[in-house]
C-alpha atoms as a PDB file:
ATOM      1  CA  MET A   1      81.655 106.539  85.970  1.00  0.00           C
ATOM      2  CA  SER A   2      81.168 110.771  85.863  1.00  0.00           C
ATOM      3  CA  ASP A   3      82.697 112.617  89.121  1.00  0.00           C
ATOM      4  CA  ALA A   4      78.104 113.678  88.729  1.00  0.00           C
ATOM      5  CA  ALA A   5      76.917 110.663  88.776  1.00  0.00           C
ATOM      6  CA  GLY A   6      79.424 109.294  91.092  1.00  0.00           C
ATOM      7  CA  LEU A   7      78.229 112.157  93.413  1.00  0.00           C
ATOM      8  CA  ASP A   8      75.154 111.724  93.338  1.00  0.00           C
ATOM      9  CA  MET A   9      75.351 107.895  94.370  1.00  0.00           C
ATOM     10  CA  THR A  10      77.665 109.145  96.857  1.00  0.00           C
ATOM     11  CA  SER A  11      74.500 111.342  98.500  1.00  0.00           C
ATOM     12  CA  GLU A  12      72.018 109.184  98.343  1.00  0.00           C
ATOM     13  CA  ALA A  13      74.048 106.278  99.716  1.00  0.00           C
ATOM     14  CA  ALA A  14      75.212 108.536 102.628  1.00  0.00           C
ATOM     15  CA  ARG A  15      71.070 109.671 103.174  1.00  0.00           C
ATOM     16  CA  ALA A  16      70.483 105.792 103.488  1.00  0.00           C
ATOM     17  CA  LEU A  17      72.821 105.337 106.104  1.00  0.00           C
ATOM     18  CA  LYS A  18      72.398 107.862 108.359  1.00  0.00           C
ATOM     19  CA  ARG A  19      68.283 107.226 108.656  1.00  0.00           C
ATOM     20  CA  ALA A  20      69.968 104.057 109.165  1.00  0.00           C
ATOM     21  CA  GLY A  21      71.450 105.414 112.606  1.00  0.00           C
ATOM     22  CA  ILE A  22      75.455 104.949 111.002  1.00  0.00           C
ATOM     23  CA  ASP A  23      78.259 107.287 112.663  1.00  0.00           C
ATOM     24  CA  SER A  24      79.905 109.768 109.159  1.00  0.00           C
ATOM     25  CA  PRO A  25      77.682 108.434 106.341  1.00  0.00           C
ATOM     26  CA  SER A  26      79.283 110.643 104.159  1.00  0.00           C
ATOM     27  CA  ARG A  27      83.199 109.382 104.855  1.00  0.00           C
ATOM     28  CA  GLU A  28      81.284 105.715 104.861  1.00  0.00           C
ATOM     29  CA  ALA A  29      79.423 106.336 101.438  1.00  0.00           C
ATOM     30  CA  ARG A  30      82.684 107.632 100.329  1.00  0.00           C
ATOM     31  CA  LEU A  31      84.584 104.129 101.206  1.00  0.00           C
ATOM     32  CA  LEU A  32      82.207 102.061 100.277  1.00  0.00           C
ATOM     33  CA  LEU A  33      82.371 103.432  96.685  1.00  0.00           C
ATOM     34  CA  ASP A  34      85.475 103.149  96.697  1.00  0.00           C
ATOM     35  CA  LEU A  35      85.527  99.434  97.695  1.00  0.00           C
ATOM     36  CA  ALA A  36      82.818  99.120  94.827  1.00  0.00           C
ATOM     37  CA  GLY A  37      85.657 100.045  92.159  1.00  0.00           C
ATOM     38  CA  GLY A  38      82.614 102.343  91.304  1.00  0.00           C
ATOM     39  CA  ASP A  39      80.246  99.867  90.045  1.00  0.00           C
ATOM     40  CA  PRO A  40      76.979 100.791  90.756  1.00  0.00           C
ATOM     41  CA  VAL A  41      75.182  97.331  91.508  1.00  0.00           C
ATOM     42  CA  ARG A  42      78.026  96.147  94.007  1.00  0.00           C
ATOM     43  CA  PHE A  43      78.251  99.822  95.851  1.00  0.00           C
ATOM     44  CA  ALA A  44      74.089  99.452  95.969  1.00  0.00           C
ATOM     45  CA  GLY A  45      74.460  95.944  97.728  1.00  0.00           C
ATOM     46  CA  TYR A  46      77.415  96.991  99.903  1.00  0.00           C
ATOM     47  CA  VAL A  47      75.057 100.298 101.052  1.00  0.00           C
ATOM     48  CA  ARG A  48      72.431  97.837 101.794  1.00  0.00           C
ATOM     49  CA  ARG A  49      74.694  95.573 104.378  1.00  0.00           C
ATOM     50  CA  ARG A  50      76.176  98.725 105.866  1.00  0.00           C
ATOM     51  CA  ALA A  51      72.393 100.349 106.863  1.00  0.00           C
ATOM     52  CA  ASP A  52      72.144  96.888 108.121  1.00  0.00           C
ATOM     53  CA  HIS A  53      75.330  97.808 110.801  1.00  0.00           C
ATOM     54  CA  GLU A  54      77.222  95.434 109.492  1.00  0.00           C
ATOM     55  CA  PRO A  55      80.609  96.418 109.906  1.00  0.00           C
ATOM     56  CA  TYR A  56      83.024  98.313 106.686  1.00  0.00           C
ATOM     57  CA  SER A  57      85.919  96.152 107.772  1.00  0.00           C
ATOM     58  CA  ARG A  58      83.821  92.582 107.560  1.00  0.00           C
ATOM     59  CA  ILE A  59      82.375  94.184 104.103  1.00  0.00           C
ATOM     60  CA  ARG A  60      85.979  94.472 102.892  1.00  0.00           C
ATOM     61  CA  CYS A  61      86.652  91.458 104.803  1.00  0.00           C
ATOM     62  CA  LYS A  62      89.674  92.878 106.521  1.00  0.00           C
ATOM     63  CA  ARG A  63      90.849  95.065 109.274  1.00  0.00           C
ATOM     64  CA  GLU A  64      94.148  97.228 109.553  1.00  0.00           C
ATOM     65  CA  PHE A  65      96.207  96.455 112.831  1.00  0.00           C
ATOM     66  CA  TRP A  66      98.924  98.035 114.039  1.00  0.00           C
ATOM     67  CA  SER A  67      99.510  99.403 110.299  1.00  0.00           C
ATOM     68  CA  LEU A  68      99.357  95.633 109.138  1.00  0.00           C
ATOM     69  CA  ASP A  69      96.045  94.776 106.496  1.00  0.00           C
ATOM     70  CA  LEU A  70      94.667  91.653 108.326  1.00  0.00           C
ATOM     71  CA  GLU A  71      92.349  89.364 106.789  1.00  0.00           C
ATOM     72  CA  LEU A  72      88.735  88.564 108.726  1.00  0.00           C
ATOM     73  CA  SER A  73      86.434  85.660 108.186  1.00  0.00           C
ATOM     74  CA  PRO A  74      83.254  85.116 109.891  1.00  0.00           C
ATOM     75  CA  GLU A  75      85.430  83.235 113.326  1.00  0.00           C
ATOM     76  CA  THR A  76      87.531  86.072 113.898  1.00  0.00           C
ATOM     77  CA  LEU A  77      87.352  88.773 116.071  1.00  0.00           C
ATOM     78  CA  ASP A  78      87.507  92.051 114.212  1.00  0.00           C
ATOM     79  CA  PRO A  79      90.360  93.753 115.804  1.00  0.00           C
ATOM     80  CA  ARG A  80      90.268  96.967 118.146  1.00  0.00           C
ATOM     81  CA  PRO A  81      92.505  99.562 118.380  1.00  0.00           C
ATOM     82  CA  ASP A  82      92.335  99.320 121.731  1.00  0.00           C
ATOM     83  CA  SER A  83      94.022  96.198 121.563  1.00  0.00           C
ATOM     84  CA  GLU A  84      97.408  97.923 120.750  1.00  0.00           C
ATOM     85  CA  THR A  85      97.407  98.965 123.858  1.00  0.00           C
ATOM     86  CA  LEU A  86      98.964  95.275 124.564  1.00  0.00           C
ATOM     87  CA  ILE A  87     101.796  95.702 121.801  1.00  0.00           C
ATOM     88  CA  ASP A  88     102.606  99.420 123.341  1.00  0.00           C
ATOM     89  CA  ALA A  89     103.048  98.029 127.051  1.00  0.00           C
ATOM     90  CA  ALA A  90     104.963  94.250 125.205  1.00  0.00           C
ATOM     91  CA  LEU A  91     107.470  96.685 123.671  1.00  0.00           C
ATOM     92  CA  ASP A  92     108.241  99.401 126.368  1.00  0.00           C
ATOM     93  CA  CYS A  93     108.106  96.087 128.646  1.00  0.00           C
ATOM     94  CA  PHE A  94     111.092  94.135 126.197  1.00  0.00           C
ATOM     95  CA  PRO A  95     113.271  97.418 124.924  1.00  0.00           C
ATOM     96  CA  GLY A  96     115.353  95.820 122.028  1.00  0.00           C
ATOM     97  CA  ARG A  97     114.147  94.650 119.114  1.00  0.00           C
ATOM     98  CA  ASN A  98     116.475  92.348 118.343  1.00  0.00           C
ATOM     99  CA  ARG A  99     115.346  89.577 121.291  1.00  0.00           C
ATOM    100  CA  ASP A 100     115.252  86.110 120.194  1.00  0.00           C
ATOM    101  CA  LEU A 101     111.436  86.187 122.190  1.00  0.00           C
ATOM    102  CA  ARG A 102     109.081  83.072 122.627  1.00  0.00           C
ATOM    103  CA  VAL A 103     105.644  84.653 122.458  1.00  0.00           C
ATOM    104  CA  ILE A 104     102.563  82.932 122.887  1.00  0.00           C
ATOM    105  CA  ASP A 105      99.238  84.027 122.234  1.00  0.00           C
ATOM    106  CA  PHE A 106      95.932  83.033 123.928  1.00  0.00           C
ATOM    107  CA  GLY A 107      92.683  83.412 122.300  1.00  0.00           C
ATOM    108  CA  THR A 108      94.714  84.471 118.736  1.00  0.00           C
ATOM    109  CA  GLY A 109      91.614  85.201 115.956  1.00  0.00           C
ATOM    110  CA  SER A 110      92.823  86.651 113.083  1.00  0.00           C
ATOM    111  CA  GLY A 111      96.486  86.433 114.509  1.00  0.00           C
ATOM    112  CA  ALA A 112      96.384  90.664 115.411  1.00  0.00           C
ATOM    113  CA  LEU A 113      98.642  90.362 118.091  1.00  0.00           C
ATOM    114  CA  LEU A 114     101.268  87.317 118.056  1.00  0.00           C
ATOM    115  CA  LEU A 115     101.844  89.032 114.442  1.00  0.00           C
ATOM    116  CA  ALA A 116     102.055  92.911 115.293  1.00  0.00           C
ATOM    117  CA  LEU A 117     104.648  91.833 117.917  1.00  0.00           C
ATOM    118  CA  LEU A 118     106.870  89.431 115.445  1.00  0.00           C
ATOM    119  CA  THR A 119     106.954  92.372 113.568  1.00  0.00           C
ATOM    120  CA  GLU A 120     108.568  93.952 116.029  1.00  0.00           C
ATOM    121  CA  PHE A 121     110.852  91.686 117.120  1.00  0.00           C
ATOM    122  CA  PRO A 122     112.444  89.822 113.856  1.00  0.00           C
ATOM    123  CA  LYS A 123     114.042  87.248 115.751  1.00  0.00           C
ATOM    124  CA  ALA A 124     110.674  86.037 117.670  1.00  0.00           C
ATOM    125  CA  THR A 125     109.120  83.187 117.629  1.00  0.00           C
ATOM    126  CA  GLY A 126     105.553  82.217 118.272  1.00  0.00           C
ATOM    127  CA  THR A 127     102.599  80.244 118.748  1.00  0.00           C
ATOM    128  CA  GLY A 128      98.818  81.233 118.137  1.00  0.00           C
ATOM    129  CA  ILE A 129      95.654  79.502 119.841  1.00  0.00           C
ATOM    130  CA  ASP A 130      92.198  79.494 119.315  1.00  0.00           C
ATOM    131  CA  ILE A 131      89.204  77.318 119.614  1.00  0.00           C
ATOM    132  CA  LEU A 132      87.913  78.390 116.348  1.00  0.00           C
ATOM    133  CA  PRO A 133      89.427  76.036 113.682  1.00  0.00           C
ATOM    134  CA  GLY A 134      88.112  79.161 111.258  1.00  0.00           C
ATOM    135  CA  ALA A 135      90.197  81.491 112.943  1.00  0.00           C
ATOM    136  CA  VAL A 136      93.035  79.926 113.255  1.00  0.00           C
ATOM    137  CA  GLU A 137      93.166  78.976 109.765  1.00  0.00           C
ATOM    138  CA  THR A 138      92.116  82.747 108.544  1.00  0.00           C
ATOM    139  CA  ALA A 139      95.559  83.301 111.518  1.00  0.00           C
ATOM    140  CA  ARG A 140      97.660  81.222 109.232  1.00  0.00           C
ATOM    141  CA  LYS A 141      96.846  82.865 105.767  1.00  0.00           C
ATOM    142  CA  ASN A 142      97.996  85.981 107.492  1.00  0.00           C
ATOM    143  CA  ALA A 143     101.241  85.151 108.707  1.00  0.00           C
ATOM    144  CA  ALA A 144     101.751  83.706 105.142  1.00  0.00           C
ATOM    145  CA  SER A 145     100.854  87.081 103.597  1.00  0.00           C
ATOM    146  CA  LEU A 146     102.996  89.224 106.106  1.00  0.00           C
ATOM    147  CA  GLY A 147     105.735  86.747 105.279  1.00  0.00           C
ATOM    148  CA  LEU A 148     105.388  85.406 109.199  1.00  0.00           C
ATOM    149  CA  SER A 149     104.315  81.513 108.627  1.00  0.00           C
ATOM    150  CA  ALA A 150     108.567  80.847 109.074  1.00  0.00           C
ATOM    151  CA  ARG A 151     107.903  82.168 113.067  1.00  0.00           C
ATOM    152  CA  ALA A 152     104.590  81.844 113.452  1.00  0.00           C
ATOM    153  CA  GLU A 153     102.343  78.604 114.072  1.00  0.00           C
ATOM    154  CA  PHE A 154      98.751  78.531 114.915  1.00  0.00           C
ATOM    155  CA  VAL A 155      96.798  75.403 116.482  1.00  0.00           C
ATOM    156  CA  ALA A 156      93.532  75.298 117.521  1.00  0.00           C
ATOM    157  CA  GLY A 157      92.180  73.749 120.395  1.00  0.00           C
ATOM    158  CA  ASP A 158      91.289  74.631 124.020  1.00  0.00           C
ATOM    159  CA  TRP A 159      94.198  76.312 125.466  1.00  0.00           C
ATOM    160  CA  SER A 160      94.142  74.408 128.666  1.00  0.00           C
ATOM    161  CA  LYS A 161      95.383  70.964 127.017  1.00  0.00           C
ATOM    162  CA  LYS A 162      98.276  72.344 125.327  1.00  0.00           C
ATOM    163  CA  ASN A 163     101.216  71.326 126.494  1.00  0.00           C
ATOM    164  CA  LEU A 164     103.225  74.544 125.261  1.00  0.00           C
ATOM    165  CA  LYS A 165     106.293  75.491 125.269  1.00  0.00           C
ATOM    166  CA  PRO A 166     107.231  78.487 127.894  1.00  0.00           C
ATOM    167  CA  ALA A 167     107.186  81.919 126.668  1.00  0.00           C
ATOM    168  CA  ASP A 168     109.059  84.982 127.550  1.00  0.00           C
ATOM    169  CA  VAL A 169     105.607  86.856 126.231  1.00  0.00           C
ATOM    170  CA  VAL A 170     102.367  86.328 126.423  1.00  0.00           C
ATOM    171  CA  LEU A 171      99.203  87.767 124.909  1.00  0.00           C
ATOM    172  CA  ALA A 172      95.807  87.167 125.658  1.00  0.00           C
ATOM    173  CA  ASN A 173      92.643  88.653 124.556  1.00  0.00           C
ATOM    174  CA  PRO A 174      90.434  86.653 125.913  1.00  0.00           C
ATOM    175  CA  PRO A 175      86.209  86.723 126.000  1.00  0.00           C
ATOM    176  CA  TYR A 176      85.356  89.450 128.549  1.00  0.00           C
ATOM    177  CA  ILE A 177      81.486  90.212 127.656  1.00  0.00           C
ATOM    178  CA  PRO A 178      79.187  88.849 130.319  1.00  0.00           C
ATOM    179  CA  SER A 179      76.972  87.130 128.599  1.00  0.00           C
ATOM    180  CA  GLY A 180      73.366  89.204 129.434  1.00  0.00           C
ATOM    181  CA  GLU A 181      75.040  92.267 128.254  1.00  0.00           C
ATOM    182  CA  ILE A 182      76.091  90.960 124.399  1.00  0.00           C
ATOM    183  CA  ASP A 183      72.575  91.699 122.863  1.00  0.00           C
ATOM    184  CA  SER A 184      72.437  95.666 124.366  1.00  0.00           C
ATOM    185  CA  LEU A 185      76.701  96.164 122.355  1.00  0.00           C
ATOM    186  CA  GLN A 186      76.426  98.121 119.082  1.00  0.00           C
ATOM    187  CA  PRO A 187      74.239  95.726 116.146  1.00  0.00           C
ATOM    188  CA  GLU A 188      78.533  95.545 114.663  1.00  0.00           C
ATOM    189  CA  VAL A 189      79.290  94.068 117.433  1.00  0.00           C
ATOM    190  CA  ALA A 190      77.029  91.650 118.582  1.00  0.00           C
ATOM    191  CA  ARG A 191      75.602  90.977 115.484  1.00  0.00           C
ATOM    192  CA  PHE A 192      79.213  90.652 113.365  1.00  0.00           C
ATOM    193  CA  ASP A 193      81.602  89.042 115.994  1.00  0.00           C
ATOM    194  CA  PRO A 194      81.975  85.772 116.375  1.00  0.00           C
ATOM    195  CA  ARG A 195      79.837  84.925 120.203  1.00  0.00           C
ATOM    196  CA  ALA A 196      82.779  82.949 121.298  1.00  0.00           C
ATOM    197  CA  ALA A 197      85.178  85.531 121.015  1.00  0.00           C
ATOM    198  CA  LEU A 198      82.885  87.798 123.182  1.00  0.00           C
ATOM    199  CA  ASP A 199      80.956  85.562 125.744  1.00  0.00           C
ATOM    200  CA  GLY A 200      82.945  85.443 129.206  1.00  0.00           C
ATOM    201  CA  GLY A 201      80.177  84.005 131.337  1.00  0.00           C
ATOM    202  CA  VAL A 202      77.766  85.088 133.621  1.00  0.00           C
ATOM    203  CA  ASP A 203      80.372  88.236 134.802  1.00  0.00           C
ATOM    204  CA  GLY A 204      82.474  87.986 131.886  1.00  0.00           C
ATOM    205  CA  LEU A 205      85.280  86.789 133.631  1.00  0.00           C
ATOM    206  CA  ALA A 206      84.990  82.866 133.558  1.00  0.00           C
ATOM    207  CA  CYS A 207      87.990  82.766 131.023  1.00  0.00           C
ATOM    208  CA  TYR A 208      90.421  84.175 132.803  1.00  0.00           C
ATOM    209  CA  ARG A 209      89.779  81.849 135.629  1.00  0.00           C
ATOM    210  CA  ALA A 210      90.687  79.083 133.333  1.00  0.00           C
ATOM    211  CA  LEU A 211      93.612  80.993 131.541  1.00  0.00           C
ATOM    212  CA  ALA A 212      95.420  81.975 135.449  1.00  0.00           C
ATOM    213  CA  PRO A 213      97.097  78.683 135.535  1.00  0.00           C
ATOM    214  CA  VAL A 214      97.522  77.981 131.806  1.00  0.00           C
ATOM    215  CA  ILE A 215      99.627  81.337 132.024  1.00  0.00           C
ATOM    216  CA  ARG A 216     101.112  80.508 135.180  1.00  0.00           C
ATOM    217  CA  ARG A 217     102.992  77.944 133.704  1.00  0.00           C
ATOM    218  CA  SER A 218     103.601  79.002 130.730  1.00  0.00           C
ATOM    219  CA  LEU A 219     105.461  82.035 131.414  1.00  0.00           C
ATOM    220  CA  LYS A 220     109.310  81.927 131.689  1.00  0.00           C
ATOM    221  CA  ARG A 221     110.634  83.470 134.461  1.00  0.00           C
ATOM    222  CA  GLY A 222     111.513  87.299 133.596  1.00  0.00           C
ATOM    223  CA  GLY A 223     108.552  87.064 131.443  1.00  0.00           C
ATOM    224  CA  ALA A 224     105.392  88.479 131.252  1.00  0.00           C
ATOM    225  CA  ALA A 225     102.186  88.520 130.906  1.00  0.00           C
ATOM    226  CA  PHE A 226     100.063  91.252 128.766  1.00  0.00           C
ATOM    227  CA  LEU A 227      96.271  90.704 129.790  1.00  0.00           C
ATOM    228  CA  GLU A 228      93.328  93.070 128.029  1.00  0.00           C
ATOM    229  CA  LEU A 229      90.348  93.015 130.149  1.00  0.00           C
ATOM    230  CA  GLY A 230      87.003  94.822 129.500  1.00  0.00           C
ATOM    231  CA  GLN A 231      85.908  98.536 131.636  1.00  0.00           C
ATOM    232  CA  GLY A 232      86.180  97.864 135.320  1.00  0.00           C
ATOM    233  CA  GLN A 233      87.208  94.443 135.401  1.00  0.00           C
ATOM    234  CA  THR A 234      91.492  95.562 136.002  1.00  0.00           C
ATOM    235  CA  ARG A 235      90.410  94.432 140.020  1.00  0.00           C
ATOM    236  CA  PRO A 236      88.531  91.029 140.021  1.00  0.00           C
ATOM    237  CA  VAL A 237      91.376  90.023 137.189  1.00  0.00           C
ATOM    238  CA  ALA A 238      94.042  91.113 139.331  1.00  0.00           C
ATOM    239  CA  ALA A 239      92.813  88.482 141.994  1.00  0.00           C
ATOM    240  CA  ILE A 240      92.472  86.047 139.611  1.00  0.00           C
ATOM    241  CA  MET A 241      95.799  85.700 138.671  1.00  0.00           C
ATOM    242  CA  GLU A 242      96.999  86.713 142.175  1.00  0.00           C
ATOM    243  CA  GLN A 243      95.821  83.800 143.097  1.00  0.00           C
ATOM    244  CA  ALA A 244      97.242  81.788 140.378  1.00  0.00           C
ATOM    245  CA  GLY A 245     101.041  83.407 141.718  1.00  0.00           C
ATOM    246  CA  LEU A 246     100.992  86.117 139.044  1.00  0.00           C
ATOM    247  CA  LYS A 247     102.278  89.391 140.497  1.00  0.00           C
ATOM    248  CA  LEU A 248     100.659  92.743 138.472  1.00  0.00           C
ATOM    249  CA  VAL A 249     103.275  94.912 137.550  1.00  0.00           C
ATOM    250  CA  GLU A 250     101.169  97.925 135.553  1.00  0.00           C
ATOM    251  CA  THR A 251      98.192  99.214 133.791  1.00  0.00           C
ATOM    252  CA  ARG A 252      97.625 100.232 130.780  1.00  0.00           C
ATOM    253  CA  GLN A 253      95.245 102.643 129.373  1.00  0.00           C
ATOM    254  CA  ASP A 254      93.851 102.843 125.841  1.00  0.00           C
ATOM    255  CA  LEU A 255      92.718 106.325 124.247  1.00  0.00           C
ATOM    256  CA  ALA A 256      89.826 106.628 126.010  1.00  0.00           C
ATOM    257  CA  ARG A 257      91.562 106.225 128.904  1.00  0.00           C
ATOM    258  CA  ILE A 258      89.689 103.166 130.149  1.00  0.00           C
ATOM    259  CA  GLU A 259      92.170 100.236 131.417  1.00  0.00           C
ATOM    260  CA  ARG A 260      92.380  98.233 129.051  1.00  0.00           C
ATOM    261  CA  CYS A 261      96.138  95.971 129.572  1.00  0.00           C
ATOM    262  CA  LEU A 262      96.938  94.466 132.567  1.00  0.00           C
ATOM    263  CA  VAL A 263     100.796  93.482 132.939  1.00  0.00           C
ATOM    264  CA  PHE A 264     101.956  90.229 135.230  1.00  0.00           C
ATOM    265  CA  ARG A 265     105.007  88.211 136.010  1.00  0.00           C
ATOM    266  CA  GLN A 266     105.632  85.336 138.187  1.00  0.00           C
ATOM    267  CA  ALA A 267     105.024  86.127 141.930  1.00  0.00           C
ATOM    268  CA  ASN A 268     108.222  84.226 142.936  1.00  0.00           C
END
């Protein structure tokens, strides 16, 4: 394909994406052309999908998180940079990379949080749990591609029914969107992320209520739990965890200065 032909294709695609309301349409068109390897038919299909608000990461079937290239599937949440706030907080709470840490990741999805932390702590081991079997299978593939299968296990099922070895670090990015608000989210989220990974019940707090006693019994004394939450949920989530015997010790903001991570330790 000539440079001129490629320019014509991307210009036309950018106009189509702009009409569809896609931000940065020229940049997205170039990314899609590169993903298609210059193939016009494949490129046209990708443009139609993106114009329908399917995220680029879903079209590519991968997402970069903490500099890791992670496979996605229909049953995994598309991990966002906001969630890296939990990793930053954990690294600050546990200085020294040679620690022999035990980690549990509740609602692991693609395995993003657990695998990111294991890359930072070469002696750490961990378990990721998710209710969706397809997510667990995807997380296992990601662990294998990163050479972490020997240190990361993934299991499918209800976290409240798992008898897990206590952990130094607990990670959780549970569903926290109120049920009635999901359809009003950006279509990239509402239509393409699994609803089970978004729906936090009527008030968005159902999973925190279910998680609180599980975290309390899963956390070693001296350990710390790092929970992601939505905007404005700091007080209710802290209250739920404190009722279960956990003490809020720190809040962390994401790049947009929204309180995104709460850090808890055992209260007694």
